[in-house]
Amino acid sequence: MAAVTAYLDPADAPTLSVQAPTRRAMGLRLVGITTLGAAAAIAVLAGLAVFHSWLAAGQYRLSELESEIAVERERLLDLRYELQTLHGPAEIELMGVGALGLVNATDPIDVRIEPRHIAAVETSEEITHDGGNWLSIKTLLTDASTAHDRRP
């Protein structure tokens, strides 16, 4: 076999012609692009619908919580009024005289507090309330009033 050497001359080469796409090919491309665009639009709209329903549910829950807060604030005001009423001097006197059977003192009592009682209060580790150690003070006053007799 003999080697064939061919020399190609650019003028001898067949011309390649670029043909414009046919109408059918362009129509198919247009349909494909339109379908993709419509699918994307539907997906976006579906996402927006889901997001909107999620926001609406959150808004509904928020309005429920606001109404609960309003009810609890009214209840708090009622409880504060009741607390003020129960801590009023007239109510305390009524409870002391009626329920507890307390009587008015006929004469004042001097309470002398001994240093050992004060030292006991300062070193105790009881629960404090409003800046004072009420359990220890109650014990201190009870001990002081029972340890000393009334004035002659």
N, C-alpha and C. Protein backbone atom coordinates (compact mmCIF):
# COMPACT_ATOMS: atom_id res chain seq x y z
N MET A 1 0.82 -1.15 0.00
CA MET A 1 0.00 0.00 0.00
C MET A 1 0.86 1.22 0.00
N ALA A 2 0.44 1.94 -0.80
CA ALA A 2 1.21 3.17 -0.99
C ALA A 2 0.60 4.26 -0.14
N ALA A 3 1.47 4.99 0.35
CA ALA A 3 0.99 6.11 1.17
C ALA A 3 0.51 7.20 0.27
N VAL A 4 -0.64 7.59 0.60
CA VAL A 4 -1.23 8.67 -0.19
C VAL A 4 -1.10 9.94 0.62
N THR A 5 -0.50 10.84 0.00
CA THR A 5 -0.37 12.13 0.67
C THR A 5 -1.26 13.09 -0.05
N ALA A 6 -2.05 13.66 0.66
CA ALA A 6 -2.97 14.62 0.05
C ALA A 6 -2.67 15.98 0.63
N TYR A 7 -2.60 16.82 -0.26
CA TYR A 7 -2.42 18.20 0.16
C TYR A 7 -3.76 18.90 0.01
N LEU A 8 -4.20 19.45 1.07
CA LEU A 8 -5.50 20.13 1.00
C LEU A 8 -5.28 21.60 0.79
N ASP A 9 -5.96 22.03 -0.14
CA ASP A 9 -5.94 23.45 -0.42
C ASP A 9 -7.21 24.02 0.19
N PRO A 10 -7.12 25.10 0.91
CA PRO A 10 -8.34 25.65 1.50
C PRO A 10 -9.37 25.98 0.44
N ALA A 11 -8.98 26.25 -0.73
CA ALA A 11 -9.96 26.54 -1.76
C ALA A 11 -10.69 25.29 -2.19
N ASP A 12 -10.03 24.11 -2.06
CA ASP A 12 -10.66 22.86 -2.46
C ASP A 12 -11.60 22.31 -1.39
N ALA A 13 -11.48 22.76 -0.16
CA ALA A 13 -12.30 22.23 0.93
C ALA A 13 -13.75 22.60 0.71
N PRO A 14 -14.62 21.70 1.01
CA PRO A 14 -16.03 22.04 0.85
C PRO A 14 -16.42 23.11 1.85
N THR A 15 -17.26 23.94 1.48
CA THR A 15 -17.68 25.02 2.36
C THR A 15 -18.74 24.49 3.31
N LEU A 16 -18.56 24.84 4.57
CA LEU A 16 -19.54 24.44 5.57
C LEU A 16 -20.55 25.58 5.69
N SER A 17 -21.73 25.25 5.53
CA SER A 17 -22.73 26.30 5.62
C SER A 17 -23.46 26.15 6.95
N VAL A 18 -23.59 27.24 7.62
CA VAL A 18 -24.32 27.26 8.89
C VAL A 18 -25.74 27.64 8.54
N GLN A 19 -26.57 26.72 8.81
CA GLN A 19 -27.96 27.00 8.48
C GLN A 19 -28.66 27.53 9.72
N ALA A 20 -29.58 28.39 9.56
CA ALA A 20 -30.38 28.92 10.66
C ALA A 20 -31.30 27.80 11.13
N PRO A 21 -31.57 27.78 12.44
CA PRO A 21 -32.45 26.73 12.92
C PRO A 21 -33.81 26.83 12.24
N THR A 22 -34.35 25.73 12.07
CA THR A 22 -35.64 25.72 11.38
C THR A 22 -36.71 26.23 12.32
N ARG A 23 -37.85 26.50 11.77
CA ARG A 23 -38.94 27.03 12.59
C ARG A 23 -39.37 26.02 13.64
N ARG A 24 -39.35 24.78 13.29
CA ARG A 24 -39.77 23.76 14.25
C ARG A 24 -38.82 23.71 15.44
N ALA A 25 -37.52 23.77 15.19
CA ALA A 25 -36.54 23.75 16.27
C ALA A 25 -36.69 24.99 17.15
N MET A 26 -36.94 26.11 16.53
CA MET A 26 -37.13 27.34 17.32
C MET A 26 -38.40 27.25 18.14
N GLY A 27 -39.43 26.67 17.59
CA GLY A 27 -40.69 26.51 18.32
C GLY A 27 -40.52 25.59 19.52
N LEU A 28 -39.75 24.51 19.34
CA LEU A 28 -39.50 23.59 20.45
C LEU A 28 -38.68 24.26 21.55
N ARG A 29 -37.72 25.05 21.16
CA ARG A 29 -36.93 25.79 22.16
C ARG A 29 -37.82 26.76 22.92
N LEU A 30 -38.69 27.45 22.21
CA LEU A 30 -39.58 28.42 22.83
C LEU A 30 -40.54 27.73 23.80
N VAL A 31 -41.06 26.57 23.41
CA VAL A 31 -41.95 25.81 24.29
C VAL A 31 -41.18 25.34 25.53
N GLY A 32 -39.96 24.88 25.35
CA GLY A 32 -39.15 24.43 26.49
C GLY A 32 -38.84 25.56 27.45
N ILE A 33 -38.46 26.70 26.91
CA ILE A 33 -38.15 27.85 27.77
C ILE A 33 -39.41 28.32 28.49
N THR A 34 -40.54 28.34 27.79
CA THR A 34 -41.80 28.76 28.41
C THR A 34 -42.21 27.78 29.50
N THR A 35 -42.03 26.50 29.27
CA THR A 35 -42.37 25.49 30.27
C THR A 35 -41.50 25.64 31.51
N LEU A 36 -40.21 25.83 31.30
CA LEU A 36 -39.32 26.04 32.44
C LEU A 36 -39.70 27.30 33.21
N GLY A 37 -40.00 28.37 32.51
CA GLY A 37 -40.40 29.61 33.17
C GLY A 37 -41.69 29.44 33.94
N ALA A 38 -42.67 28.73 33.35
CA ALA A 38 -43.94 28.50 34.04
C ALA A 38 -43.74 27.63 35.27
N ALA A 39 -42.90 26.61 35.15
CA ALA A 39 -42.63 25.73 36.30
C ALA A 39 -41.94 26.52 37.42
N ALA A 40 -41.00 27.37 37.05
CA ALA A 40 -40.32 28.19 38.05
C ALA A 40 -41.30 29.15 38.72
N ALA A 41 -42.19 29.76 37.93
CA ALA A 41 -43.18 30.68 38.48
C ALA A 41 -44.13 29.96 39.43
N ILE A 42 -44.56 28.77 39.06
CA ILE A 42 -45.45 27.99 39.93
C ILE A 42 -44.74 27.61 41.22
N ALA A 43 -43.48 27.22 41.11
CA ALA A 43 -42.71 26.86 42.31
C ALA A 43 -42.56 28.07 43.23
N VAL A 44 -42.28 29.24 42.67
CA VAL A 44 -42.14 30.45 43.47
C VAL A 44 -43.47 30.80 44.13
N LEU A 45 -44.56 30.72 43.38
CA LEU A 45 -45.88 31.02 43.94
C LEU A 45 -46.26 30.03 45.05
N ALA A 46 -45.95 28.75 44.85
CA ALA A 46 -46.22 27.76 45.89
C ALA A 46 -45.40 28.06 47.14
N GLY A 47 -44.16 28.42 46.95
CA GLY A 47 -43.32 28.79 48.10
C GLY A 47 -43.86 30.00 48.83
N LEU A 48 -44.31 30.98 48.08
CA LEU A 48 -44.90 32.17 48.70
C LEU A 48 -46.18 31.83 49.44
N ALA A 49 -46.98 30.93 48.90
CA ALA A 49 -48.21 30.52 49.57
C ALA A 49 -47.91 29.83 50.90
N VAL A 50 -46.91 28.95 50.89
CA VAL A 50 -46.51 28.26 52.13
C VAL A 50 -45.97 29.27 53.14
N PHE A 51 -45.15 30.18 52.69
CA PHE A 51 -44.58 31.19 53.58
C PHE A 51 -45.68 32.08 54.15
N HIS A 52 -46.65 32.45 53.32
CA HIS A 52 -47.75 33.30 53.78
C HIS A 52 -48.60 32.57 54.83
N SER A 53 -48.87 31.29 54.61
CA SER A 53 -49.65 30.54 55.60
C SER A 53 -48.87 30.39 56.90
N TRP A 54 -47.57 30.23 56.80
CA TRP A 54 -46.73 30.16 58.00
C TRP A 54 -46.78 31.48 58.77
N LEU A 55 -46.70 32.60 58.06
CA LEU A 55 -46.79 33.90 58.70
C LEU A 55 -48.17 34.13 59.32
N ALA A 56 -49.22 33.71 58.62
CA ALA A 56 -50.57 33.88 59.14
C ALA A 56 -50.77 33.07 60.42
N ALA A 57 -50.23 31.86 60.46
CA ALA A 57 -50.32 31.05 61.67
C ALA A 57 -49.57 31.71 62.82
N GLY A 58 -48.41 32.26 62.53
CA GLY A 58 -47.66 32.98 63.57
C GLY A 58 -48.39 34.21 64.06
N GLN A 59 -49.02 34.93 63.15
CA GLN A 59 -49.79 36.12 63.53
C GLN A 59 -50.98 35.74 64.40
N TYR A 60 -51.64 34.64 64.06
CA TYR A 60 -52.77 34.17 64.85
C TYR A 60 -52.31 33.80 66.26
N ARG A 61 -51.21 33.10 66.37
CA ARG A 61 -50.68 32.72 67.69
C ARG A 61 -50.28 33.95 68.48
N LEU A 62 -49.72 34.94 67.80
CA LEU A 62 -49.33 36.18 68.46
C LEU A 62 -50.56 36.91 69.00
N SER A 63 -51.63 36.96 68.24
CA SER A 63 -52.85 37.62 68.73
C SER A 63 -53.46 36.86 69.90
N GLU A 64 -53.38 35.52 69.88
CA GLU A 64 -53.84 34.74 71.03
C GLU A 64 -53.02 35.06 72.28
N LEU A 65 -51.72 35.14 72.13
CA LEU A 65 -50.86 35.46 73.27
C LEU A 65 -51.12 36.86 73.80
N GLU A 66 -51.37 37.81 72.90
CA GLU A 66 -51.67 39.17 73.35
C GLU A 66 -52.97 39.22 74.13
N SER A 67 -53.97 38.45 73.71
CA SER A 67 -55.22 38.42 74.47
C SER A 67 -55.02 37.75 75.82
N GLU A 68 -54.19 36.70 75.87
CA GLU A 68 -53.88 36.06 77.16
C GLU A 68 -53.15 37.03 78.08
N ILE A 69 -52.24 37.81 77.54
CA ILE A 69 -51.51 38.79 78.33
C ILE A 69 -52.47 39.83 78.88
N ALA A 70 -53.43 40.28 78.07
CA ALA A 70 -54.40 41.27 78.54
C ALA A 70 -55.23 40.71 79.69
N VAL A 71 -55.65 39.44 79.57
CA VAL A 71 -56.43 38.82 80.64
C VAL A 71 -55.60 38.70 81.91
N GLU A 72 -54.35 38.29 81.77
CA GLU A 72 -53.48 38.14 82.94
C GLU A 72 -53.17 39.49 83.58
N ARG A 73 -53.05 40.55 82.79
CA ARG A 73 -52.82 41.88 83.37
C ARG A 73 -54.04 42.32 84.18
N GLU A 74 -55.24 42.06 83.67
CA GLU A 74 -56.43 42.39 84.44
C GLU A 74 -56.48 41.59 85.73
N ARG A 75 -56.12 40.33 85.65
CA ARG A 75 -56.10 39.49 86.85
C ARG A 75 -55.06 40.00 87.84
N LEU A 76 -53.91 40.44 87.34
CA LEU A 76 -52.87 40.98 88.21
C LEU A 76 -53.37 42.24 88.92
N LEU A 77 -54.07 43.10 88.19
CA LEU A 77 -54.62 44.30 88.82
C LEU A 77 -55.62 43.94 89.91
N ASP A 78 -56.47 42.93 89.65
CA ASP A 78 -57.43 42.50 90.66
C ASP A 78 -56.72 41.94 91.89
N LEU A 79 -55.67 41.14 91.65
CA LEU A 79 -54.93 40.57 92.78
C LEU A 79 -54.19 41.65 93.57
N ARG A 80 -53.66 42.65 92.89
CA ARG A 80 -52.99 43.75 93.61
C ARG A 80 -53.99 44.52 94.46
N TYR A 81 -55.19 44.75 93.91
CA TYR A 81 -56.22 45.45 94.68
C TYR A 81 -56.60 44.62 95.90
N GLU A 82 -56.76 43.31 95.70
CA GLU A 82 -57.11 42.43 96.82
C GLU A 82 -56.00 42.42 97.86
N LEU A 83 -54.75 42.42 97.41
CA LEU A 83 -53.62 42.44 98.34
C LEU A 83 -53.60 43.73 99.14
N GLN A 84 -53.85 44.86 98.46
CA GLN A 84 -53.89 46.14 99.18
C GLN A 84 -55.02 46.15 100.20
N THR A 85 -56.15 45.56 99.84
CA THR A 85 -57.28 45.51 100.75
C THR A 85 -56.96 44.64 101.96
N LEU A 86 -56.33 43.49 101.72
CA LEU A 86 -56.02 42.58 102.83
C LEU A 86 -54.92 43.12 103.74
N HIS A 87 -54.04 43.96 103.21
CA HIS A 87 -52.98 44.51 104.04
C HIS A 87 -53.35 45.85 104.66
N GLY A 88 -54.57 46.28 104.44
CA GLY A 88 -55.02 47.54 105.02
C GLY A 88 -55.18 47.41 106.52
N PRO A 89 -55.03 48.51 107.24
CA PRO A 89 -55.13 48.46 108.71
C PRO A 89 -56.48 47.94 109.21
N ALA A 90 -57.55 48.32 108.56
CA ALA A 90 -58.87 47.88 109.01
C ALA A 90 -59.01 46.36 108.88
N GLU A 91 -58.55 45.81 107.79
CA GLU A 91 -58.64 44.36 107.58
C GLU A 91 -57.75 43.61 108.56
N ILE A 92 -56.57 44.14 108.83
CA ILE A 92 -55.66 43.47 109.78
C ILE A 92 -56.27 43.48 111.18
N GLU A 93 -56.86 44.60 111.56
CA GLU A 93 -57.50 44.67 112.88
C GLU A 93 -58.69 43.72 112.95
N LEU A 94 -59.48 43.66 111.89
CA LEU A 94 -60.63 42.77 111.85
C LEU A 94 -60.19 41.31 111.96
N MET A 95 -59.14 40.94 111.26
CA MET A 95 -58.63 39.56 111.34
C MET A 95 -58.06 39.28 112.72
N GLY A 96 -57.35 40.25 113.30
CA GLY A 96 -56.76 40.03 114.61
C GLY A 96 -57.79 39.87 115.70
N VAL A 97 -58.78 40.73 115.68
CA VAL A 97 -59.79 40.68 116.72
C VAL A 97 -60.75 39.51 116.49
N GLY A 98 -61.22 39.36 115.24
CA GLY A 98 -62.23 38.34 114.97
C GLY A 98 -61.66 36.94 114.86
N ALA A 99 -60.77 36.72 113.93
CA ALA A 99 -60.30 35.37 113.64
C ALA A 99 -59.29 34.87 114.67
N LEU A 100 -58.40 35.75 115.12
CA LEU A 100 -57.33 35.31 116.02
C LEU A 100 -57.66 35.52 117.49
N GLY A 101 -58.70 36.27 117.78
CA GLY A 101 -59.10 36.49 119.17
C GLY A 101 -58.16 37.41 119.93
N LEU A 102 -57.47 38.31 119.26
CA LEU A 102 -56.58 39.24 119.93
C LEU A 102 -57.38 40.34 120.62
N VAL A 103 -56.81 40.89 121.65
CA VAL A 103 -57.45 41.99 122.37
C VAL A 103 -56.48 43.16 122.42
N ASN A 104 -57.02 44.36 122.61
CA ASN A 104 -56.16 45.54 122.72
C ASN A 104 -55.39 45.50 124.03
N ALA A 105 -54.17 45.97 124.01
CA ALA A 105 -53.34 46.00 125.20
C ALA A 105 -53.85 47.09 126.13
N THR A 106 -53.83 46.78 127.43
CA THR A 106 -54.27 47.78 128.40
C THR A 106 -53.15 48.75 128.73
N ASP A 107 -51.95 48.29 128.73
CA ASP A 107 -50.82 49.17 128.97
C ASP A 107 -49.64 48.71 128.13
N PRO A 108 -48.74 49.63 127.81
CA PRO A 108 -47.59 49.26 126.97
C PRO A 108 -46.61 48.35 127.70
N ILE A 109 -45.86 47.59 126.93
CA ILE A 109 -44.86 46.68 127.48
C ILE A 109 -43.50 47.14 126.99
N ASP A 110 -42.56 47.27 127.91
CA ASP A 110 -41.19 47.58 127.53
C ASP A 110 -40.48 46.28 127.20
N VAL A 111 -39.86 46.25 126.09
CA VAL A 111 -39.12 45.07 125.68
C VAL A 111 -37.65 45.43 125.73
N ARG A 112 -36.92 44.71 126.55
CA ARG A 112 -35.48 44.92 126.64
C ARG A 112 -34.80 43.77 125.91
N ILE A 113 -33.94 44.14 125.02
CA ILE A 113 -33.24 43.12 124.23
C ILE A 113 -31.83 43.00 124.77
N GLU A 114 -31.50 41.80 125.13
CA GLU A 114 -30.19 41.55 125.69
C GLU A 114 -29.16 41.37 124.57
N PRO A 115 -27.92 41.68 124.85
CA PRO A 115 -26.87 41.55 123.83
C PRO A 115 -26.73 40.13 123.26
N ARG A 116 -26.99 39.12 124.06
CA ARG A 116 -26.87 37.75 123.56
C ARG A 116 -27.93 37.46 122.50
N HIS A 117 -29.10 38.07 122.63
CA HIS A 117 -30.14 37.90 121.61
C HIS A 117 -29.73 38.58 120.30
N ILE A 118 -29.14 39.77 120.42
CA ILE A 118 -28.70 40.50 119.23
C ILE A 118 -27.59 39.72 118.53
N ALA A 119 -26.67 39.17 119.31
CA ALA A 119 -25.58 38.38 118.72
C ALA A 119 -26.13 37.14 118.03
N ALA A 120 -27.18 36.54 118.59
CA ALA A 120 -27.77 35.35 117.98
C ALA A 120 -28.41 35.68 116.63
N VAL A 121 -29.02 36.86 116.54
CA VAL A 121 -29.65 37.26 115.29
C VAL A 121 -28.60 37.58 114.23
N GLU A 122 -27.52 38.21 114.61
CA GLU A 122 -26.49 38.60 113.65
C GLU A 122 -25.77 37.39 113.07
N THR A 123 -25.65 36.32 113.83
CA THR A 123 -24.91 35.15 113.34
C THR A 123 -25.80 34.09 112.71
N SER A 124 -27.11 34.23 112.83
CA SER A 124 -27.98 33.18 112.29
C SER A 124 -28.05 33.27 110.77
N GLU A 125 -28.35 32.16 110.15
CA GLU A 125 -28.42 32.06 108.69
C GLU A 125 -29.86 31.77 108.27
N GLU A 126 -30.81 32.55 108.70
CA GLU A 126 -32.21 32.35 108.35
C GLU A 126 -32.54 33.07 107.05
N ILE A 127 -33.75 32.83 106.57
CA ILE A 127 -34.22 33.46 105.33
C ILE A 127 -34.54 34.92 105.60
N THR A 128 -34.06 35.79 104.73
CA THR A 128 -34.33 37.22 104.89
C THR A 128 -35.50 37.62 104.02
N HIS A 129 -36.24 38.61 104.46
CA HIS A 129 -37.40 39.11 103.73
C HIS A 129 -37.43 40.62 103.85
N ASP A 130 -37.43 41.28 102.72
CA ASP A 130 -37.46 42.75 102.68
C ASP A 130 -36.32 43.35 103.50
N GLY A 131 -35.17 42.78 103.44
CA GLY A 131 -34.00 43.35 104.09
C GLY A 131 -33.88 42.98 105.55
N GLY A 132 -34.78 42.19 106.11
CA GLY A 132 -34.69 41.83 107.52
C GLY A 132 -34.78 40.34 107.70
N ASN A 133 -34.31 39.88 108.82
CA ASN A 133 -34.33 38.46 109.15
C ASN A 133 -35.52 38.25 110.08
N TRP A 134 -36.70 38.00 109.51
CA TRP A 134 -37.93 38.02 110.28
C TRP A 134 -38.08 36.82 111.20
N LEU A 135 -37.59 35.68 110.82
CA LEU A 135 -37.71 34.53 111.70
C LEU A 135 -36.90 34.72 112.97
N SER A 136 -35.71 35.26 112.82
CA SER A 136 -34.87 35.49 114.00
C SER A 136 -35.40 36.62 114.84
N ILE A 137 -35.94 37.64 114.22
CA ILE A 137 -36.48 38.77 114.98
C ILE A 137 -37.70 38.32 115.77
N LYS A 138 -38.54 37.47 115.17
CA LYS A 138 -39.69 36.95 115.89
C LYS A 138 -39.24 36.15 117.11
N THR A 139 -38.26 35.31 116.93
CA THR A 139 -37.72 34.53 118.05
C THR A 139 -37.13 35.46 119.10
N LEU A 140 -36.42 36.46 118.67
CA LEU A 140 -35.80 37.42 119.58
C LEU A 140 -36.85 38.14 120.41
N LEU A 141 -37.90 38.63 119.77
CA LEU A 141 -38.94 39.35 120.50
C LEU A 141 -39.72 38.43 121.42
N THR A 142 -39.94 37.21 121.01
CA THR A 142 -40.65 36.26 121.87
C THR A 142 -39.82 35.97 123.11
N ASP A 143 -38.53 35.72 122.92
CA ASP A 143 -37.66 35.45 124.07
C ASP A 143 -37.58 36.66 124.98
N ALA A 144 -37.46 37.85 124.41
CA ALA A 144 -37.33 39.06 125.22
C ALA A 144 -38.61 39.35 125.99
N SER A 145 -39.77 39.13 125.38
CA SER A 145 -41.02 39.45 126.06
C SER A 145 -41.35 38.42 127.13
N THR A 146 -40.95 37.17 126.96
CA THR A 146 -41.24 36.16 127.99
C THR A 146 -40.18 36.18 129.09
N ALA A 147 -38.98 36.68 128.80
CA ALA A 147 -37.93 36.68 129.80
C ALA A 147 -38.13 37.79 130.82
N HIS A 148 -38.83 38.85 130.44
CA HIS A 148 -39.02 39.97 131.36
C HIS A 148 -40.50 40.10 131.70
N ASP A 149 -40.74 40.36 132.95
CA ASP A 149 -42.12 40.56 133.38
C ASP A 149 -42.60 41.93 132.95
N ARG A 150 -43.88 42.13 133.00
CA ARG A 150 -44.43 43.43 132.68
C ARG A 150 -44.01 44.45 133.73
N ARG A 151 -44.16 45.71 133.34
CA ARG A 151 -43.81 46.76 134.31
C ARG A 151 -44.70 46.66 135.53
N PRO A 152 -44.17 47.00 136.67
CA PRO A 152 -45.01 46.91 137.90
C PRO A 152 -46.02 48.04 137.94
